Amino acid sequence: MKFQDLKKIKLSEPLLYIKRELKKKRKKPLDQYKLTSEEILLIRRIKEETSRLNINNITRTKAYFEFYRLYPEIHWAFLGHMVSRNGGWNMTDLKGEILSRILTKREAELFFTFLERGNWLIFQDVYPQLLVYQESLKRQQNLFHLLKHMNISIFMEVIWDYFWLYHDLYILTVAQIMNEQSYLEQRVLKDHIYKKEILDSIEFKLQDLLSMNHILFPFLLQDKIKLIGQTLHHFESLHERIMLGKRLYFILFRNQTLLNLIERWAEQVPHTGSRKDYWPHIFNDVDEGVPGTVFKPKIKSCELLPSATKIYSPRLDIVWKNRKQEPAEIIDWYKDWKIIYYLMDKEEKADENIEKEYCKTLERLELAANTKKIISHFY
């Protein structure tokens, strides 16, 4: 559904309440509240804990899941965990058997920098919110006024206040989706370097053309790994990313039995960044190929071809070193209360049967890698 269509729907009482609170917050200056020495120490501790866990995609992904196990009412923590797993797989693909034949080393480096920056930015914004919630529960006291002092949007301060009062799981989760995607929009998607080097590049458009932007949720059913999820087109569109997030949330939490299966898989399979995590019959984190041999397609209809070796999909910690990030730009993305129309509990249609589409994508990528290899022999 388009945002303009959402705006035609009448706001519910909860959203009218949020609208009023957002308007009030916009009128209050930041320094109106003086922090106590205890609050200053708490903020420092939260920042230190966030920094300690914001090392790489592996540490972030694990932190989300551990928080969710403690506080399962925070649905975004599990959604964030599963999407972050996909981010890790995308990072290692850049050094894997197929994409490393399509992209140059410089292009792979640029893509990784782009993915890692986004992954890092989201964690350093959302994890302090989770820790403030944890501390509020421990003290049985609303501490969300501290968020503004950690450069977190006033939008989320209003949402957390609302959640503290009414425990609306849906509004909190969708608000977090909106917040993180809007946060990225300001700091990554509109950055002229990323836009020129990545978003406008032929290779990025090739990814979109080949439907590479799959978000996969694996689970075990009758001793067989199944995949559900969604495909993102038009990554540069904030609206599309928010709507994708809502669809992914619906897929994960609409059915308790399915949610339990995905949670069980996540608990049993630690995140390594290798696609071997979910498909060990197709991928291996050890390269089985012979150096110097001509690349040949290996997969057909989600199965390896006879005598084909497994596709190399390395562990993240083997192929990418930890990166030191520049501090995030201090700017609040929130400008207009009308953004709350995204919070409407409007069920999004989600065709979650992604497995065959994903297999076709692998086949197209193998063909692209093979074609590029053949072409390179003539130039």
Protein backbone atom coordinates (compact mmCIF):
# COMPACT_ATOMS: atom_id res chain seq x y z
CA MET A 1 0.00 0.00 0.00
CA LYS A 2 1.24 3.49 -0.88
CA PHE A 3 1.79 6.03 1.90
CA GLN A 4 -0.74 8.38 0.29
CA ASP A 5 -3.36 5.65 0.58
CA LEU A 6 -2.55 5.13 4.26
CA LYS A 7 -3.13 8.83 4.91
CA LYS A 8 -6.72 8.51 3.71
CA ILE A 9 -7.58 6.21 6.63
CA LYS A 10 -8.91 7.73 9.85
CA LEU A 11 -6.48 7.66 12.77
CA SER A 12 -7.35 5.41 15.69
CA GLU A 13 -7.44 6.69 19.29
CA PRO A 14 -3.95 5.29 20.08
CA LEU A 15 -2.50 7.07 17.03
CA LEU A 16 -4.27 10.31 17.90
CA TYR A 17 -2.68 10.05 21.36
CA ILE A 18 0.76 9.51 19.82
CA LYS A 19 0.17 12.46 17.48
CA ARG A 20 -0.57 14.76 20.43
CA GLU A 21 2.50 13.58 22.34
CA LEU A 22 4.77 14.06 19.34
CA LYS A 23 3.56 17.63 18.94
CA LYS A 24 4.22 18.31 22.63
CA LYS A 25 7.75 16.88 22.50
CA ARG A 26 8.67 19.04 19.54
CA LYS A 27 8.06 22.13 21.66
CA LYS A 28 10.26 21.07 24.59
CA PRO A 29 13.97 22.01 24.53
CA LEU A 30 16.55 19.29 25.23
CA ASP A 31 18.10 21.00 28.25
CA GLN A 32 14.79 21.39 30.06
CA TYR A 33 15.60 18.34 32.18
CA LYS A 34 18.84 18.24 34.16
CA LEU A 35 20.39 14.80 34.48
CA THR A 36 21.26 13.46 37.90
CA SER A 37 24.74 12.03 38.55
CA GLU A 38 23.18 8.55 38.68
CA GLU A 39 21.56 9.05 35.28
CA ILE A 40 24.84 10.28 33.81
CA LEU A 41 26.54 7.08 35.03
CA LEU A 42 23.72 4.95 33.64
CA ILE A 43 23.98 6.58 30.21
CA ARG A 44 27.73 6.02 30.23
CA ARG A 45 27.24 2.36 31.15
CA ILE A 46 24.68 1.86 28.38
CA LYS A 47 26.99 3.45 25.80
CA GLU A 48 29.90 1.28 26.93
CA GLU A 49 27.82 -1.92 26.77
CA THR A 50 26.52 -0.98 23.32
CA SER A 51 30.04 -0.28 22.09
CA ARG A 52 31.31 -3.57 23.54
CA LEU A 53 28.77 -5.56 21.52
CA ASN A 54 28.90 -3.41 18.36
CA ILE A 55 32.05 -5.07 17.04
CA ASN A 56 30.81 -6.88 13.96
CA ASN A 57 27.73 -8.51 12.47
CA ILE A 58 28.26 -11.68 14.54
CA THR A 59 28.30 -9.89 17.91
CA ARG A 60 25.32 -7.69 17.02
CA THR A 61 23.21 -10.56 15.76
CA LYS A 62 23.90 -12.59 18.90
CA ALA A 63 23.11 -9.61 21.16
CA TYR A 64 19.68 -9.14 19.58
CA PHE A 65 18.75 -12.78 20.13
CA GLU A 66 20.00 -12.87 23.72
CA PHE A 67 17.92 -9.79 24.51
CA TYR A 68 14.85 -11.32 22.88
CA ARG A 69 15.20 -14.47 24.96
CA LEU A 70 15.12 -12.32 28.09
CA TYR A 71 12.32 -10.04 26.88
CA PRO A 72 10.21 -11.86 24.25
CA GLU A 73 7.66 -9.03 24.31
CA ILE A 74 10.18 -6.93 22.36
CA HIS A 75 9.37 -8.47 19.00
CA TRP A 76 11.78 -6.23 17.08
CA ALA A 77 14.73 -7.88 18.85
CA PHE A 78 13.97 -11.18 17.11
CA LEU A 79 13.07 -9.54 13.82
CA GLY A 80 16.34 -7.58 14.05
CA HIS A 81 18.22 -10.80 14.82
CA MET A 82 16.86 -12.60 11.77
CA VAL A 83 17.37 -9.65 9.41
CA SER A 84 20.89 -9.17 10.80
CA ARG A 85 21.65 -12.82 9.98
CA ASN A 86 20.73 -12.01 6.39
CA GLY A 87 23.01 -8.98 6.51
CA GLY A 88 25.88 -11.25 7.53
CA TRP A 89 25.14 -13.68 4.70
CA ASN A 90 25.16 -10.79 2.24
CA MET A 91 28.54 -9.68 3.60
CA THR A 92 30.15 -13.10 3.17
CA ASP A 93 28.60 -13.54 -0.29
CA LEU A 94 30.96 -10.80 -1.41
CA LYS A 95 33.88 -13.16 -0.69
CA GLY A 96 32.04 -16.33 -1.65
CA GLU A 97 32.41 -18.47 -4.73
CA ILE A 98 29.83 -16.77 -6.96
CA LEU A 99 29.87 -13.02 -6.32
CA SER A 100 33.67 -12.89 -6.08
CA ARG A 101 33.65 -13.77 -9.80
CA ILE A 102 31.17 -11.00 -10.67
CA LEU A 103 32.51 -8.12 -8.55
CA THR A 104 36.02 -6.66 -8.49
CA LYS A 105 37.85 -6.54 -5.15
CA ARG A 106 37.22 -2.80 -4.95
CA GLU A 107 33.50 -3.27 -5.59
CA ALA A 108 33.31 -6.00 -2.94
CA GLU A 109 35.07 -3.72 -0.47
CA LEU A 110 32.62 -0.88 -1.19
CA PHE A 111 29.62 -3.16 -0.78
CA PHE A 112 30.94 -4.51 2.52
CA THR A 113 31.63 -0.98 3.81
CA PHE A 114 28.05 -0.04 2.90
CA LEU A 115 26.50 -3.10 4.59
CA GLU A 116 28.71 -2.89 7.68
CA ARG A 117 28.06 0.82 8.19
CA GLY A 118 24.31 0.25 8.10
CA ASN A 119 24.52 -2.75 10.43
CA TRP A 120 26.69 -0.77 12.88
CA LEU A 121 24.49 2.33 12.76
CA ILE A 122 21.28 0.44 13.51
CA PHE A 123 22.80 -1.34 16.49
CA GLN A 124 24.25 1.80 18.08
CA ASP A 125 20.83 3.44 17.80
CA VAL A 126 18.51 0.60 18.81
CA TYR A 127 20.51 -1.28 21.45
CA PRO A 128 20.61 1.65 23.92
CA GLN A 129 16.81 1.76 23.64
CA LEU A 130 16.64 -1.91 24.62
CA LEU A 131 18.96 -1.35 27.58
CA VAL A 132 16.91 1.63 28.79
CA TYR A 133 13.82 -0.59 28.65
CA GLN A 134 15.67 -3.27 30.62
CA GLU A 135 16.73 -0.74 33.26
CA SER A 136 13.20 0.71 33.44
CA LEU A 137 11.84 -2.75 34.22
CA LYS A 138 14.47 -3.35 36.89
CA ARG A 139 13.68 -0.07 38.61
CA GLN A 140 9.97 -0.17 37.79
CA GLN A 141 10.37 3.38 36.57
CA ASN A 142 10.00 5.01 33.15
CA LEU A 143 13.51 6.10 32.11
CA PHE A 144 12.85 6.88 28.46
CA HIS A 145 13.56 10.57 28.95
CA LEU A 146 17.22 9.44 28.83
CA LEU A 147 16.93 8.51 25.15
CA LYS A 148 17.25 12.08 23.90
CA HIS A 149 20.56 12.34 25.76
CA MET A 150 21.85 9.44 23.65
CA ASN A 151 20.84 11.15 20.41
CA ILE A 152 17.85 8.87 19.86
CA SER A 153 14.89 10.35 18.03
CA ILE A 154 12.12 11.99 20.04
CA PHE A 155 9.80 9.84 17.95
CA MET A 156 11.05 6.77 19.80
CA GLU A 157 10.86 8.50 23.18
CA VAL A 158 7.15 9.08 22.57
CA ILE A 159 6.67 5.49 21.36
CA TRP A 160 8.46 3.96 24.35
CA ASP A 161 6.42 6.15 26.72
CA TYR A 162 3.28 4.90 25.00
CA PHE A 163 4.45 1.28 25.20
CA TRP A 164 5.24 1.67 28.90
CA LEU A 165 1.64 2.73 29.49
CA TYR A 166 -0.28 0.49 27.08
CA HIS A 167 2.05 -2.39 26.17
CA ASP A 168 1.09 -2.25 22.49
CA LEU A 169 3.47 -4.77 20.90
CA TYR A 170 2.48 -3.99 17.32
CA ILE A 171 2.94 -0.22 17.54
CA LEU A 172 6.32 -0.57 19.26
CA THR A 173 7.64 -3.02 16.67
CA VAL A 174 6.48 -1.09 13.62
CA ALA A 175 7.76 2.15 15.17
CA GLN A 176 11.18 0.52 15.59
CA ILE A 177 11.11 -0.58 11.95
CA MET A 178 10.26 2.98 10.90
CA ASN A 179 12.87 4.49 13.17
CA GLU A 180 15.77 2.32 12.04
CA GLN A 181 15.00 2.68 8.33
CA SER A 182 14.56 6.46 8.67
CA TYR A 183 17.79 6.58 10.66
CA LEU A 184 19.60 4.78 7.81
CA GLU A 185 17.99 7.05 5.24
CA GLN A 186 19.61 10.13 6.78
CA ARG A 187 23.06 8.65 7.37
CA VAL A 188 23.66 6.12 4.59
CA LEU A 189 21.14 6.21 1.75
CA LYS A 190 21.44 9.98 1.28
CA ASP A 191 25.22 9.99 1.67
CA HIS A 192 26.61 11.17 -1.70
CA ILE A 193 29.57 8.75 -1.57
CA TYR A 194 27.43 5.65 -1.02
CA LYS A 195 24.91 6.88 -3.58
CA LYS A 196 27.52 7.44 -6.26
CA GLU A 197 29.69 4.40 -5.56
CA ILE A 198 27.01 1.83 -4.72
CA LEU A 199 23.35 2.77 -5.19
CA ASP A 200 23.92 4.15 -8.69
CA SER A 201 26.41 1.44 -9.70
CA ILE A 202 25.68 -1.14 -12.37
CA GLU A 203 26.38 -3.93 -9.94
CA PHE A 204 23.81 -2.73 -7.40
CA LYS A 205 21.20 -2.51 -10.15
CA LEU A 206 22.27 -5.98 -11.24
CA GLN A 207 21.53 -7.24 -7.72
CA ASP A 208 18.06 -5.77 -7.92
CA LEU A 209 17.52 -7.23 -11.38
CA LEU A 210 18.56 -10.69 -10.21
CA SER A 211 16.39 -10.40 -7.05
CA MET A 212 19.42 -10.86 -4.83
CA ASN A 213 17.92 -8.90 -1.97
CA HIS A 214 16.22 -11.88 -0.36
CA ILE A 215 15.47 -11.91 3.37
CA LEU A 216 15.36 -15.58 4.40
CA PHE A 217 13.87 -17.07 7.57
CA PRO A 218 14.97 -20.71 7.88
CA PHE A 219 13.29 -23.33 10.08
CA LEU A 220 13.35 -27.10 10.46
CA LEU A 221 10.20 -29.00 9.50
CA GLN A 222 10.13 -32.81 9.47
CA ASP A 223 13.92 -32.99 9.39
CA LYS A 224 14.14 -30.65 6.40
CA ILE A 225 15.18 -27.00 6.34
CA LYS A 226 12.51 -24.76 4.86
CA LEU A 227 12.87 -21.10 3.86
CA ILE A 228 10.26 -18.36 3.99
CA GLY A 229 10.74 -14.62 3.64
CA GLN A 230 10.53 -11.69 1.28
CA THR A 231 12.46 -10.01 -1.52
CA LEU A 232 13.27 -6.31 -1.40
CA HIS A 233 13.26 -4.34 -4.63
CA HIS A 234 14.08 -0.63 -4.77
CA PHE A 235 16.38 -0.66 -1.74
CA GLU A 236 16.83 3.10 -2.09
CA SER A 237 13.12 3.68 -1.29
CA LEU A 238 12.42 4.40 2.39
CA HIS A 239 8.74 3.55 1.89
CA GLU A 240 9.58 0.16 0.36
CA ARG A 241 11.95 -0.71 3.21
CA ILE A 242 9.38 0.20 5.87
CA MET A 243 6.67 -1.81 4.13
CA LEU A 244 9.06 -4.74 3.77
CA GLY A 245 9.76 -4.57 7.49
CA LYS A 246 6.04 -4.70 8.24
CA ARG A 247 5.62 -7.73 5.97
CA LEU A 248 8.55 -9.51 7.58
CA TYR A 249 7.10 -8.81 11.02
CA PHE A 250 3.78 -10.26 9.90
CA ILE A 251 5.49 -13.40 8.57
CA LEU A 252 7.45 -13.96 11.79
CA PHE A 253 4.74 -13.32 14.38
CA ARG A 254 1.43 -14.12 12.68
CA ASN A 255 1.58 -17.81 13.63
CA GLN A 256 2.88 -19.01 17.01
CA THR A 257 3.74 -22.49 15.73
CA LEU A 258 5.83 -21.10 12.89
CA LEU A 259 7.45 -18.56 15.21
CA ASN A 260 8.43 -21.38 17.58
CA LEU A 261 10.05 -23.31 14.72
CA ILE A 262 12.09 -20.30 13.58
CA GLU A 263 13.11 -19.51 17.16
CA ARG A 264 14.19 -23.13 17.68
CA TRP A 265 16.33 -23.01 14.54
CA ALA A 266 17.92 -19.72 15.62
CA GLU A 267 18.71 -21.19 19.04
CA GLN A 268 20.22 -24.37 17.63
CA VAL A 269 22.27 -22.75 14.85
CA PRO A 270 24.72 -20.03 15.93
CA HIS A 271 25.18 -17.28 13.36
CA THR A 272 28.53 -17.55 11.53
CA GLY A 273 27.78 -15.54 8.38
CA SER A 274 28.13 -18.62 6.18
CA ARG A 275 25.07 -19.80 4.27
CA LYS A 276 26.11 -23.24 5.42
CA ASP A 277 24.20 -22.27 8.59
CA TYR A 278 20.91 -23.08 6.90
CA TRP A 279 21.82 -25.14 3.81
CA PRO A 280 24.83 -27.36 4.59
CA HIS A 281 23.83 -29.64 1.69
CA ILE A 282 24.43 -26.76 -0.77
CA PHE A 283 27.06 -24.54 0.91
CA ASN A 284 30.31 -25.15 2.73
CA ASP A 285 32.50 -22.73 4.68
CA VAL A 286 35.55 -24.54 3.28
CA ASP A 287 36.39 -24.02 -0.39
CA GLU A 288 36.16 -27.43 -2.06
CA GLY A 289 37.08 -26.09 -5.50
CA VAL A 290 40.39 -26.50 -7.29
CA PRO A 291 42.22 -23.16 -7.80
CA GLY A 292 42.45 -22.05 -11.41
CA THR A 293 39.62 -24.22 -12.72
CA VAL A 294 36.88 -22.71 -14.88
CA PHE A 295 33.71 -21.95 -12.92
CA LYS A 296 30.72 -24.10 -13.84
CA PRO A 297 27.14 -23.83 -12.50
CA LYS A 298 26.54 -26.25 -9.63
CA ILE A 299 22.88 -25.95 -8.65
CA LYS A 300 19.55 -26.81 -10.23
CA SER A 301 16.15 -26.74 -8.50
CA CYS A 302 17.67 -26.32 -5.04
CA GLU A 303 19.95 -29.34 -5.43
CA LEU A 304 23.61 -29.74 -6.33
CA LEU A 305 24.26 -31.15 -9.77
CA PRO A 306 25.84 -34.63 -9.89
CA SER A 307 29.56 -34.58 -8.98
CA ALA A 308 29.44 -30.81 -8.21
CA THR A 309 31.28 -29.55 -5.13
CA LYS A 310 29.43 -27.41 -2.62
CA ILE A 311 29.26 -23.64 -3.13
CA TYR A 312 31.87 -21.83 -1.05
CA SER A 313 30.23 -19.57 1.56
CA PRO A 314 32.84 -18.50 4.14
CA ARG A 315 32.45 -17.59 7.79
CA LEU A 316 32.33 -13.84 8.31
CA ASP A 317 35.20 -13.73 10.82
CA ILE A 318 37.49 -15.44 8.30
CA VAL A 319 36.99 -13.07 5.37
CA TRP A 320 36.24 -9.66 6.91
CA LYS A 321 38.22 -7.91 9.64
CA ASN A 322 36.48 -5.78 12.26
CA ARG A 323 36.13 -2.13 11.23
CA LYS A 324 36.44 0.99 13.33
CA GLN A 325 33.49 3.27 12.54
CA GLU A 326 33.25 7.02 12.57
CA PRO A 327 30.69 8.39 15.09
CA ALA A 328 27.16 8.70 13.78
CA GLU A 329 26.00 12.10 12.62
CA ILE A 330 23.82 13.75 15.28
CA ILE A 331 20.54 14.59 13.61
CA ASP A 332 16.95 13.66 14.37
CA TRP A 333 15.21 12.22 11.32
CA TYR A 334 11.76 12.93 12.78
CA LYS A 335 10.16 16.07 11.25
CA ASP A 336 6.45 15.44 10.65
CA TRP A 337 3.85 13.64 12.78
CA LYS A 338 2.20 12.24 9.62
CA ILE A 339 4.79 9.48 9.65
CA ILE A 340 2.53 7.75 12.22
CA TYR A 341 0.24 6.59 9.41
CA TYR A 342 2.74 3.75 8.98
CA LEU A 343 1.72 2.59 12.47
CA MET A 344 -1.73 1.59 11.28
CA ASP A 345 -2.45 -2.06 11.91
CA LYS A 346 -3.09 -2.73 8.26
CA GLU A 347 -2.22 -6.30 7.29
CA GLU A 348 0.26 -6.34 4.42
CA LYS A 349 0.00 -9.07 1.80
CA ALA A 350 3.12 -11.20 2.05
CA ASP A 351 3.94 -13.93 -0.43
CA GLU A 352 6.36 -15.74 1.82
CA ASN A 353 7.12 -18.76 -0.41
CA ILE A 354 10.59 -17.59 -1.31
CA GLU A 355 12.51 -20.87 -1.57
CA LYS A 356 12.01 -21.51 -5.31
CA GLU A 357 12.63 -17.86 -6.12
CA TYR A 358 15.86 -17.94 -4.12
CA CYS A 359 17.02 -21.08 -5.93
CA LYS A 360 16.31 -19.44 -9.30
CA THR A 361 18.36 -16.45 -8.15
CA LEU A 362 21.31 -18.72 -7.35
CA GLU A 363 21.04 -20.23 -10.82
CA ARG A 364 20.95 -16.76 -12.45
CA LEU A 365 23.94 -15.63 -10.42
CA GLU A 366 25.91 -18.72 -11.38
CA LEU A 367 25.09 -18.04 -15.03
CA ALA A 368 26.20 -14.42 -14.62
CA ALA A 369 29.46 -15.53 -12.96
CA ASN A 370 30.07 -18.11 -15.68
CA THR A 371 29.29 -15.64 -18.47
CA LYS A 372 31.57 -12.98 -17.00
CA LYS A 373 34.37 -15.52 -16.68
CA ILE A 374 33.95 -16.58 -20.30
CA ILE A 375 33.78 -12.97 -21.54
CA SER A 376 36.96 -12.06 -19.62
CA HIS A 377 38.94 -14.61 -21.67
CA PHE A 378 38.26 -12.59 -24.83
CA TYR A 379 39.35 -9.16 -23.54
